[in-house]
Amino acid sequence: MEAIYKKDIAKLEKVQTRFTRIIAGCRGKNYELRLEVLKLTTLNMRFERADLIQVYKVLNDTKHIYPEGFLELSDTMGRNKYCKKLFKK
């Protein structure tokens, strides 16, 4: 991840942290509890979720948007027998 991108995420996370403090019912709680009460996740978690959704869409490309074999799952066994690795041709 680029340093600039990380800085932007940190700034946005800081804004979210400050904003959740001013909401009634969240004062005096730590950040994680405020997120739970508001049913929110951290920005990093949202970006990770979006990445996973995108990978799923690529692997299950029903509209044939991506070239054949754009991303594939490796059949080789890793340290964990349930582990699958992605690779791009």
Protein backbone atom coordinates (compact mmCIF):
# COMPACT_ATOMS: atom_id res chain seq x y z
CA MET A 1 0.00 0.00 0.00
CA GLU A 2 1.37 3.40 -0.89
CA ALA A 3 2.36 5.77 1.89
CA ILE A 4 0.06 8.51 0.56
CA TYR A 5 -2.86 6.10 0.53
CA LYS A 6 -2.10 5.08 4.13
CA LYS A 7 -1.99 8.73 5.18
CA ASP A 8 -5.36 9.37 3.54
CA ILE A 9 -6.89 6.39 5.31
CA ALA A 10 -5.43 7.56 8.63
CA LYS A 11 -6.94 11.03 8.12
CA LEU A 12 -10.35 9.61 7.24
CA GLU A 13 -10.21 7.23 10.20
CA LYS A 14 -9.38 10.17 12.46
CA VAL A 15 -12.45 12.05 11.18
CA GLN A 16 -14.62 8.98 11.79
CA THR A 17 -13.16 8.66 15.30
CA ARG A 18 -13.94 12.28 16.13
CA PHE A 19 -17.41 12.12 14.60
CA THR A 20 -18.42 9.01 16.54
CA ARG A 21 -17.45 10.78 19.78
CA ILE A 22 -20.11 13.48 19.33
CA ILE A 23 -23.02 11.09 18.76
CA ALA A 24 -25.36 10.73 21.74
CA GLY A 25 -24.97 7.42 23.51
CA CYS A 26 -21.36 7.03 22.39
CA ARG A 27 -19.66 9.50 24.70
CA GLY A 28 -17.22 7.98 27.13
CA LYS A 29 -16.86 4.75 25.13
CA ASN A 30 -13.73 3.66 23.36
CA TYR A 31 -13.60 3.69 19.56
CA GLU A 32 -14.30 -0.04 19.10
CA LEU A 33 -17.40 0.12 21.31
CA ARG A 34 -18.66 3.20 19.48
CA LEU A 35 -18.28 1.38 16.16
CA GLU A 36 -20.19 -1.60 17.58
CA VAL A 37 -23.02 0.61 18.86
CA LEU A 38 -23.26 2.38 15.49
CA LYS A 39 -22.87 -0.88 13.54
CA LEU A 40 -19.83 0.48 11.68
CA THR A 41 -16.46 -0.99 10.81
CA THR A 42 -13.06 0.63 10.47
CA LEU A 43 -12.07 1.98 7.08
CA ASN A 44 -9.40 -0.70 6.74
CA MET A 45 -12.00 -3.41 7.28
CA ARG A 46 -14.26 -1.82 4.66
CA PHE A 47 -11.43 -1.67 2.13
CA GLU A 48 -10.48 -5.29 2.84
CA ARG A 49 -14.12 -6.34 2.41
CA ALA A 50 -14.34 -4.44 -0.88
CA ASP A 51 -11.15 -6.16 -2.10
CA LEU A 52 -12.55 -9.58 -1.20
CA ILE A 53 -15.81 -8.83 -3.00
CA GLN A 54 -13.87 -7.74 -6.09
CA VAL A 55 -11.78 -10.93 -6.07
CA TYR A 56 -14.98 -12.98 -5.76
CA LYS A 57 -16.44 -11.13 -8.76
CA VAL A 58 -13.31 -11.79 -10.81
CA LEU A 59 -13.24 -15.49 -9.92
CA ASN A 60 -16.97 -15.92 -10.60
CA ASP A 61 -17.11 -13.74 -13.71
CA THR A 62 -20.56 -14.55 -15.08
CA LYS A 63 -20.62 -11.55 -17.44
CA HIS A 64 -17.22 -12.39 -18.95
CA ILE A 65 -15.74 -8.97 -18.23
CA TYR A 66 -12.28 -10.24 -17.33
CA PRO A 67 -10.03 -12.21 -19.67
CA GLU A 68 -10.01 -15.99 -19.28
CA GLY A 69 -7.71 -16.98 -16.42
CA PHE A 70 -7.20 -13.39 -15.23
CA LEU A 71 -7.00 -14.69 -11.66
CA GLU A 72 -6.84 -18.34 -10.75
CA LEU A 73 -6.66 -20.38 -7.58
CA SER A 74 -3.54 -22.43 -7.17
CA ASP A 75 -4.06 -26.14 -6.57
CA THR A 76 -0.80 -26.57 -4.68
CA MET A 77 -1.04 -27.24 -0.99
CA GLY A 78 0.33 -24.59 1.34
CA ARG A 79 1.18 -24.83 5.01
CA ASN A 80 -2.51 -24.99 5.76
CA LYS A 81 -4.27 -27.70 3.76
CA TYR A 82 -7.32 -25.45 3.38
CA CYS A 83 -5.26 -22.58 2.01
CA LYS A 84 -5.75 -21.42 -1.57
CA LYS A 85 -3.45 -18.91 -3.22
CA LEU A 86 -4.40 -16.51 -5.97
CA PHE A 87 -2.07 -15.84 -8.84
CA LYS A 88 -2.31 -13.64 -11.88
CA LYS A 89 -1.08 -14.84 -15.27
